[in-house]
């Protein structure tokens, strides 16, 4: 994903949160939109989008609207892939233990 593509997806995630904040407060309609929103977020961000399923736990549709879950998912993925600050991905900064070679020490 390009950096421009990331920011377009981020903007779409903000739109999903604004819709959840306004229209998502209608009792049954809110649950339907959260289910559809989870599918859309899964398509945009992969398995990280499934975090949006926690919003289905609030059956009153009042409390979950104040947590911008879609935006938080987008920011997490952007940070992990290095799109936010223009840096290499966060996982590339830490070498894995199996890739480091052991050097014999002089005795």
C-alpha atoms as a PDB file:
ATOM      1  CA  UNK A   1       0.000   0.000   0.000  1.00  0.00           C
ATOM      2  CA  UNK A   2       1.320   3.420  -0.897  1.00  0.00           C
ATOM      3  CA  UNK A   3       1.369   6.267   1.575  1.00  0.00           C
ATOM      4  CA  UNK A   4      -1.364   8.072  -0.394  1.00  0.00           C
ATOM      5  CA  UNK A   5      -3.462   4.911  -0.381  1.00  0.00           C
ATOM      6  CA  UNK A   6      -2.983   4.654   3.361  1.00  0.00           C
ATOM      7  CA  UNK A   7      -4.226   8.200   3.977  1.00  0.00           C
ATOM      8  CA  UNK A   8      -7.271   7.610   1.758  1.00  0.00           C
ATOM      9  CA  UNK A   9      -8.097   4.516   3.805  1.00  0.00           C
ATOM     10  CA  UNK A  10      -7.537   6.504   6.996  1.00  0.00           C
ATOM     11  CA  UNK A  11     -10.007   9.158   5.794  1.00  0.00           C
ATOM     12  CA  UNK A  12     -12.561   6.448   5.006  1.00  0.00           C
ATOM     13  CA  UNK A  13     -12.091   5.033   8.511  1.00  0.00           C
ATOM     14  CA  UNK A  14     -12.805   8.480   9.981  1.00  0.00           C
ATOM     15  CA  UNK A  15     -16.005   8.624   7.889  1.00  0.00           C
ATOM     16  CA  UNK A  16     -17.023   5.231   9.320  1.00  0.00           C
ATOM     17  CA  UNK A  17     -16.490   6.580  12.861  1.00  0.00           C
ATOM     18  CA  UNK A  18     -18.497   9.745  12.160  1.00  0.00           C
ATOM     19  CA  UNK A  19     -21.351   7.609  10.802  1.00  0.00           C
ATOM     20  CA  UNK A  20     -21.137   5.416  13.901  1.00  0.00           C
ATOM     21  CA  UNK A  21     -21.253   8.482  16.133  1.00  0.00           C
ATOM     22  CA  UNK A  22     -24.348   9.899  14.410  1.00  0.00           C
ATOM     23  CA  UNK A  23     -26.387   7.113  12.796  1.00  0.00           C
ATOM     24  CA  UNK A  24     -24.986   4.292  14.894  1.00  0.00           C
ATOM     25  CA  UNK A  25     -26.925   5.414  17.937  1.00  0.00           C
ATOM     26  CA  UNK A  26     -30.228   4.179  16.508  1.00  0.00           C
ATOM     27  CA  UNK A  27     -30.839   0.874  18.370  1.00  0.00           C
ATOM     28  CA  UNK A  28     -31.170  -1.875  15.713  1.00  0.00           C
ATOM     29  CA  UNK A  29     -29.714   0.129  12.840  1.00  0.00           C
ATOM     30  CA  UNK A  30     -26.565   0.693  14.894  1.00  0.00           C
ATOM     31  CA  UNK A  31     -25.900  -3.016  15.311  1.00  0.00           C
ATOM     32  CA  UNK A  32     -26.332  -3.600  11.591  1.00  0.00           C
ATOM     33  CA  UNK A  33     -23.966  -0.766  10.697  1.00  0.00           C
ATOM     34  CA  UNK A  34     -21.366  -2.088  13.145  1.00  0.00           C
ATOM     35  CA  UNK A  35     -21.497  -5.501  11.500  1.00  0.00           C
ATOM     36  CA  UNK A  36     -21.174  -3.991   8.037  1.00  0.00           C
ATOM     37  CA  UNK A  37     -18.473  -1.612   9.283  1.00  0.00           C
ATOM     38  CA  UNK A  38     -16.493  -4.569  10.618  1.00  0.00           C
ATOM     39  CA  UNK A  39     -16.617  -6.247   7.211  1.00  0.00           C
ATOM     40  CA  UNK A  40     -15.474  -3.036   5.510  1.00  0.00           C
ATOM     41  CA  UNK A  41     -12.665  -2.544   8.043  1.00  0.00           C
ATOM     42  CA  UNK A  42     -11.558  -6.142   7.552  1.00  0.00           C
ATOM     43  CA  UNK A  43     -11.378  -5.436   3.824  1.00  0.00           C
ATOM     44  CA  UNK A  44      -9.400  -2.231   4.403  1.00  0.00           C
ATOM     45  CA  UNK A  45      -7.038  -3.285   7.177  1.00  0.00           C
ATOM     46  CA  UNK A  46      -7.061  -7.084   7.268  1.00  0.00           C
ATOM     47  CA  UNK A  47      -7.415  -8.993  10.544  1.00  0.00           C
ATOM     48  CA  UNK A  48      -6.889  -5.807  12.588  1.00  0.00           C
ATOM     49  CA  UNK A  49     -10.327  -4.681  11.363  1.00  0.00           C
ATOM     50  CA  UNK A  50     -11.961  -7.434  13.406  1.00  0.00           C
ATOM     51  CA  UNK A  51     -11.264  -5.391  16.546  1.00  0.00           C
ATOM     52  CA  UNK A  52     -14.378  -3.427  15.566  1.00  0.00           C
ATOM     53  CA  UNK A  53     -16.489  -6.405  16.684  1.00  0.00           C
ATOM     54  CA  UNK A  54     -16.187  -5.234  20.291  1.00  0.00           C
ATOM     55  CA  UNK A  55     -18.743  -2.523  19.463  1.00  0.00           C
ATOM     56  CA  UNK A  56     -21.429  -5.194  19.134  1.00  0.00           C
ATOM     57  CA  UNK A  57     -21.083  -5.848  22.884  1.00  0.00           C
ATOM     58  CA  UNK A  58     -22.835  -2.548  23.665  1.00  0.00           C
ATOM     59  CA  UNK A  59     -26.461  -3.382  22.923  1.00  0.00           C
ATOM     60  CA  UNK A  60     -27.614   0.103  23.997  1.00  0.00           C
ATOM     61  CA  UNK A  61     -25.647   1.696  21.109  1.00  0.00           C
ATOM     62  CA  UNK A  62     -24.738   4.650  23.332  1.00  0.00           C
ATOM     63  CA  UNK A  63     -21.276   4.060  24.812  1.00  0.00           C
ATOM     64  CA  UNK A  64     -19.433   2.600  21.819  1.00  0.00           C
ATOM     65  CA  UNK A  65     -20.049   5.662  19.661  1.00  0.00           C
ATOM     66  CA  UNK A  66     -17.565   7.676  21.724  1.00  0.00           C
ATOM     67  CA  UNK A  67     -14.617   5.394  20.926  1.00  0.00           C
ATOM     68  CA  UNK A  68     -13.324   5.954  17.364  1.00  0.00           C
ATOM     69  CA  UNK A  69     -12.466   2.295  16.804  1.00  0.00           C
ATOM     70  CA  UNK A  70     -12.088   2.495  13.004  1.00  0.00           C
ATOM     71  CA  UNK A  71      -9.703   5.436  13.273  1.00  0.00           C
ATOM     72  CA  UNK A  72      -7.690   3.742  16.011  1.00  0.00           C
ATOM     73  CA  UNK A  73      -7.359   0.615  13.848  1.00  0.00           C
ATOM     74  CA  UNK A  74      -6.192   2.753  10.914  1.00  0.00           C
ATOM     75  CA  UNK A  75      -3.637   4.584  13.049  1.00  0.00           C
ATOM     76  CA  UNK A  76      -2.334   1.300  14.455  1.00  0.00           C
ATOM     77  CA  UNK A  77      -1.878  -0.224  11.007  1.00  0.00           C
ATOM     78  CA  UNK A  78      -0.268   2.992   9.730  1.00  0.00           C
ATOM     79  CA  UNK A  79       2.172   2.987  12.627  1.00  0.00           C
ATOM     80  CA  UNK A  80       2.937  -0.715  12.199  1.00  0.00           C
ATOM     81  CA  UNK A  81       3.604  -0.335   8.462  1.00  0.00           C
ATOM     82  CA  UNK A  82       5.530   2.940   8.794  1.00  0.00           C
ATOM     83  CA  UNK A  83       3.106   5.195   6.879  1.00  0.00           C
ATOM     84  CA  UNK A  84       2.499   7.730   9.633  1.00  0.00           C
ATOM     85  CA  UNK A  85       5.994   9.074  10.142  1.00  0.00           C
ATOM     86  CA  UNK A  86       7.583   7.973   6.880  1.00  0.00           C
ATOM     87  CA  UNK A  87       9.780   5.463   8.689  1.00  0.00           C
ATOM     88  CA  UNK A  88      10.411   1.809   7.976  1.00  0.00           C
ATOM     89  CA  UNK A  89       7.831  -0.583   9.432  1.00  0.00           C
ATOM     90  CA  UNK A  90       7.929  -1.023  13.201  1.00  0.00           C
ATOM     91  CA  UNK A  91       8.692  -4.721  12.838  1.00  0.00           C
ATOM     92  CA  UNK A  92      11.821  -3.999  10.766  1.00  0.00           C
ATOM     93  CA  UNK A  93      13.474  -2.053  13.573  1.00  0.00           C
ATOM     94  CA  UNK A  94      13.916  -5.048  15.873  1.00  0.00           C
ATOM     95  CA  UNK A  95      16.041  -7.909  14.525  1.00  0.00           C
ATOM     96  CA  UNK A  96      14.819 -11.370  15.367  1.00  0.00           C
ATOM     97  CA  UNK A  97      17.036 -13.457  17.661  1.00  0.00           C
ATOM     98  CA  UNK A  98      17.334 -16.256  15.098  1.00  0.00           C
ATOM     99  CA  UNK A  99      18.871 -13.897  12.494  1.00  0.00           C
ATOM    100  CA  UNK A 100      21.743 -12.862  14.722  1.00  0.00           C
ATOM    101  CA  UNK A 101      24.823 -14.992  14.413  1.00  0.00           C
ATOM    102  CA  UNK A 102      26.771 -15.967  17.440  1.00  0.00           C
ATOM    103  CA  UNK A 103      30.444 -15.073  17.396  1.00  0.00           C
ATOM    104  CA  UNK A 104      32.892 -17.183  19.308  1.00  0.00           C
ATOM    105  CA  UNK A 105      34.605 -15.336  22.082  1.00  0.00           C
ATOM    106  CA  UNK A 106      38.358 -15.379  22.504  1.00  0.00           C
ATOM    107  CA  UNK A 107      39.602 -17.162  25.600  1.00  0.00           C
END
